[in-house]
Amino acid sequence: ATSNDLLSFTVPKKGDEVYIGCTYKISWKSSTTTTANSLEMSLFDVDTREVVGPIASGLLKENKIKSNSQNLDWKVGVVWPGEYYILISKIDGADTEIKSEVFTVKKISKDISAAEREKICD
């Protein structure tokens, strides 16, 4: 399931590619008029079927959401390149299970210039 009644991801989308060390917006839409104040989320490795810890993934487990916001910034941590999804396990402290669609994490070549790196991260 990629959504439930409360919330569904708009980014990342199925097949998106994200790069280690780049910052992306994770965004969602809510089907209710209330907005979440906190989301407990983690990065899930499709191959190993395990959650990646917050230090490696760059994704805080507990995320405070700004008032009326439906996104947060995520700097992709140092994880193995491969397929992942983001799992929300709590909204405002209440248990849930919402998964993003599967996306790919890639490594940026060490041989590229800072300008090229900026283009990839944009």
C-alpha atoms as a PDB file:
ATOM      1  CA  ALA A   1       0.000   0.000   0.000  1.00  0.00           C
ATOM      2  CA  THR A   2       1.315   3.424  -0.875  1.00  0.00           C
ATOM      3  CA  SER A   3      -1.266   5.372   1.099  1.00  0.00           C
ATOM      4  CA  ASN A   4      -4.030   5.219   3.642  1.00  0.00           C
ATOM      5  CA  ASP A   5      -6.938   7.480   4.512  1.00  0.00           C
ATOM      6  CA  LEU A   6      -4.756  10.000   6.303  1.00  0.00           C
ATOM      7  CA  LEU A   7      -1.775  10.606   4.090  1.00  0.00           C
ATOM      8  CA  SER A   8      -0.181   9.627   0.778  1.00  0.00           C
ATOM      9  CA  PHE A   9       3.270  10.400  -0.612  1.00  0.00           C
ATOM     10  CA  THR A  10       3.601  12.691  -3.616  1.00  0.00           C
ATOM     11  CA  VAL A  11       7.445  12.492  -3.619  1.00  0.00           C
ATOM     12  CA  PRO A  12       9.351  10.204  -3.982  1.00  0.00           C
ATOM     13  CA  LYS A  13       7.526   8.686  -6.927  1.00  0.00           C
ATOM     14  CA  LYS A  14       7.951   5.194  -8.336  1.00  0.00           C
ATOM     15  CA  GLY A  15      11.205   4.974 -10.262  1.00  0.00           C
ATOM     16  CA  ASP A  16      12.653   8.263  -8.974  1.00  0.00           C
ATOM     17  CA  GLU A  17      16.427   8.362  -8.655  1.00  0.00           C
ATOM     18  CA  VAL A  18      18.048  10.086  -5.691  1.00  0.00           C
ATOM     19  CA  TYR A  19      21.744  10.503  -5.065  1.00  0.00           C
ATOM     20  CA  ILE A  20      23.755   9.967  -1.891  1.00  0.00           C
ATOM     21  CA  GLY A  21      24.676  13.335  -0.365  1.00  0.00           C
ATOM     22  CA  CYS A  22      21.962  15.304  -2.197  1.00  0.00           C
ATOM     23  CA  THR A  23      18.996  16.942  -0.459  1.00  0.00           C
ATOM     24  CA  TYR A  24      15.433  16.286  -1.610  1.00  0.00           C
ATOM     25  CA  LYS A  25      11.966  17.222  -0.459  1.00  0.00           C
ATOM     26  CA  ILE A  26       9.813  14.379   0.805  1.00  0.00           C
ATOM     27  CA  SER A  27       6.224  15.500   0.304  1.00  0.00           C
ATOM     28  CA  TRP A  28       2.767  14.139   0.894  1.00  0.00           C
ATOM     29  CA  LYS A  29      -0.854  15.087   0.720  1.00  0.00           C
ATOM     30  CA  SER A  30      -3.395  14.647   3.463  1.00  0.00           C
ATOM     31  CA  SER A  31      -7.000  13.659   2.893  1.00  0.00           C
ATOM     32  CA  THR A  32      -8.081  15.397   6.079  1.00  0.00           C
ATOM     33  CA  THR A  33      -8.075  19.070   6.961  1.00  0.00           C
ATOM     34  CA  THR A  34      -5.724  18.448   9.860  1.00  0.00           C
ATOM     35  CA  THR A  35      -1.991  18.409   9.248  1.00  0.00           C
ATOM     36  CA  ALA A  36       0.505  16.165  11.004  1.00  0.00           C
ATOM     37  CA  ASN A  37       2.721  17.740  13.676  1.00  0.00           C
ATOM     38  CA  SER A  38       5.124  14.813  13.761  1.00  0.00           C
ATOM     39  CA  LEU A  39       5.898  11.821  11.581  1.00  0.00           C
ATOM     40  CA  GLU A  40       7.957   8.821  12.569  1.00  0.00           C
ATOM     41  CA  MET A  41       9.616   7.568   9.414  1.00  0.00           C
ATOM     42  CA  SER A  42      12.454   5.435   8.212  1.00  0.00           C
ATOM     43  CA  LEU A  43      14.211   4.350   5.049  1.00  0.00           C
ATOM     44  CA  PHE A  44      13.486   0.724   4.117  1.00  0.00           C
ATOM     45  CA  ASP A  45      15.899  -1.316   1.972  1.00  0.00           C
ATOM     46  CA  VAL A  46      13.899  -3.424  -0.515  1.00  0.00           C
ATOM     47  CA  ASP A  47      16.737  -5.960  -1.029  1.00  0.00           C
ATOM     48  CA  THR A  48      17.596  -6.679   2.611  1.00  0.00           C
ATOM     49  CA  ARG A  49      14.000  -6.062   3.791  1.00  0.00           C
ATOM     50  CA  GLU A  50      15.405  -4.060   6.705  1.00  0.00           C
ATOM     51  CA  VAL A  51      15.071  -0.540   8.030  1.00  0.00           C
ATOM     52  CA  VAL A  52      18.182   1.609   7.566  1.00  0.00           C
ATOM     53  CA  GLY A  53      19.142   3.448  10.766  1.00  0.00           C
ATOM     54  CA  PRO A  54      18.756   7.241  10.978  1.00  0.00           C
ATOM     55  CA  ILE A  55      22.502   7.985  10.903  1.00  0.00           C
ATOM     56  CA  ALA A  56      23.153   5.979   7.723  1.00  0.00           C
ATOM     57  CA  SER A  57      19.915   6.994   5.976  1.00  0.00           C
ATOM     58  CA  GLY A  58      20.073  10.693   6.860  1.00  0.00           C
ATOM     59  CA  LEU A  59      16.388  10.468   7.759  1.00  0.00           C
ATOM     60  CA  LEU A  60      15.472  11.319  11.340  1.00  0.00           C
ATOM     61  CA  LYS A  61      13.163   8.798  12.965  1.00  0.00           C
ATOM     62  CA  GLU A  62      11.035  11.506  14.610  1.00  0.00           C
ATOM     63  CA  ASN A  63      10.297  14.459  12.328  1.00  0.00           C
ATOM     64  CA  LYS A  64       8.615  17.617  13.598  1.00  0.00           C
ATOM     65  CA  ILE A  65       6.536  19.107  10.818  1.00  0.00           C
ATOM     66  CA  LYS A  66       6.161  22.872  10.478  1.00  0.00           C
ATOM     67  CA  SER A  67       2.628  24.193  10.788  1.00  0.00           C
ATOM     68  CA  ASN A  68       0.604  23.746   7.566  1.00  0.00           C
ATOM     69  CA  SER A  69       3.558  22.057   5.847  1.00  0.00           C
ATOM     70  CA  GLN A  70       3.321  18.887   3.811  1.00  0.00           C
ATOM     71  CA  ASN A  71       6.988  18.279   3.146  1.00  0.00           C
ATOM     72  CA  LEU A  72      10.389  18.000   4.757  1.00  0.00           C
ATOM     73  CA  ASP A  73      13.959  18.091   3.510  1.00  0.00           C
ATOM     74  CA  TRP A  74      15.968  14.884   3.418  1.00  0.00           C
ATOM     75  CA  LYS A  75      19.710  14.747   2.784  1.00  0.00           C
ATOM     76  CA  VAL A  76      20.332  11.215   1.531  1.00  0.00           C
ATOM     77  CA  GLY A  77      22.799   9.508   3.819  1.00  0.00           C
ATOM     78  CA  VAL A  78      25.564   7.070   2.989  1.00  0.00           C
ATOM     79  CA  VAL A  79      23.639   3.925   2.116  1.00  0.00           C
ATOM     80  CA  TRP A  80      24.245   1.159  -0.387  1.00  0.00           C
ATOM     81  CA  PRO A  81      22.991   2.029  -3.861  1.00  0.00           C
ATOM     82  CA  GLY A  82      19.760   0.160  -4.547  1.00  0.00           C
ATOM     83  CA  GLU A  83      15.997   0.225  -4.214  1.00  0.00           C
ATOM     84  CA  TYR A  84      14.287   1.726  -1.179  1.00  0.00           C
ATOM     85  CA  TYR A  85      11.025   3.149   0.067  1.00  0.00           C
ATOM     86  CA  ILE A  86      10.148   5.440   2.949  1.00  0.00           C
ATOM     87  CA  LEU A  87       7.957   4.023   5.684  1.00  0.00           C
ATOM     88  CA  ILE A  88       5.868   6.196   8.002  1.00  0.00           C
ATOM     89  CA  SER A  89       5.165   4.231  11.180  1.00  0.00           C
ATOM     90  CA  LYS A  90       3.546   6.948  13.313  1.00  0.00           C
ATOM     91  CA  ILE A  91       1.570  10.134  12.708  1.00  0.00           C
ATOM     92  CA  ASP A  92       1.371  12.347  15.805  1.00  0.00           C
ATOM     93  CA  GLY A  93       2.242   9.304  17.949  1.00  0.00           C
ATOM     94  CA  ALA A  94      -0.494   7.040  16.499  1.00  0.00           C
ATOM     95  CA  ASP A  95       0.646   3.787  14.855  1.00  0.00           C
ATOM     96  CA  THR A  96       0.214   3.545  11.103  1.00  0.00           C
ATOM     97  CA  GLU A  97       1.950   1.996   8.095  1.00  0.00           C
ATOM     98  CA  ILE A  98       2.295   4.166   5.013  1.00  0.00           C
ATOM     99  CA  LYS A  99       4.873   3.392   2.340  1.00  0.00           C
ATOM    100  CA  SER A 100       6.195   5.555  -0.440  1.00  0.00           C
ATOM    101  CA  GLU A 101       6.625   3.992  -3.840  1.00  0.00           C
ATOM    102  CA  VAL A 102       9.957   2.274  -4.512  1.00  0.00           C
ATOM    103  CA  PHE A 103      12.757   4.578  -5.697  1.00  0.00           C
ATOM    104  CA  THR A 104      16.458   4.118  -6.455  1.00  0.00           C
ATOM    105  CA  VAL A 105      19.387   5.495  -4.469  1.00  0.00           C
ATOM    106  CA  LYS A 106      22.505   6.018  -6.581  1.00  0.00           C
ATOM    107  CA  LYS A 107      26.088   6.984  -5.867  1.00  0.00           C
ATOM    108  CA  ILE A 108      27.642  10.082  -7.445  1.00  0.00           C
ATOM    109  CA  SER A 109      30.943   9.414  -9.192  1.00  0.00           C
ATOM    110  CA  LYS A 110      33.963  10.796  -7.340  1.00  0.00           C
ATOM    111  CA  ASP A 111      35.410  11.970 -10.663  1.00  0.00           C
ATOM    112  CA  ILE A 112      32.885  14.748 -11.310  1.00  0.00           C
ATOM    113  CA  SER A 113      33.318  18.469 -10.721  1.00  0.00           C
ATOM    114  CA  ALA A 114      31.458  20.485  -8.076  1.00  0.00           C
ATOM    115  CA  ALA A 115      29.362  22.103 -10.826  1.00  0.00           C
ATOM    116  CA  GLU A 116      28.360  18.707 -12.226  1.00  0.00           C
ATOM    117  CA  ARG A 117      27.570  17.504  -8.712  1.00  0.00           C
ATOM    118  CA  GLU A 118      25.320  20.523  -8.179  1.00  0.00           C
ATOM    119  CA  LYS A 119      23.409  19.716 -11.386  1.00  0.00           C
ATOM    120  CA  ILE A 120      22.869  16.111 -10.265  1.00  0.00           C
ATOM    121  CA  CYS A 121      21.615  17.257  -6.861  1.00  0.00           C
ATOM    122  CA  ASP A 122      19.269  19.860  -8.331  1.00  0.00           C
END
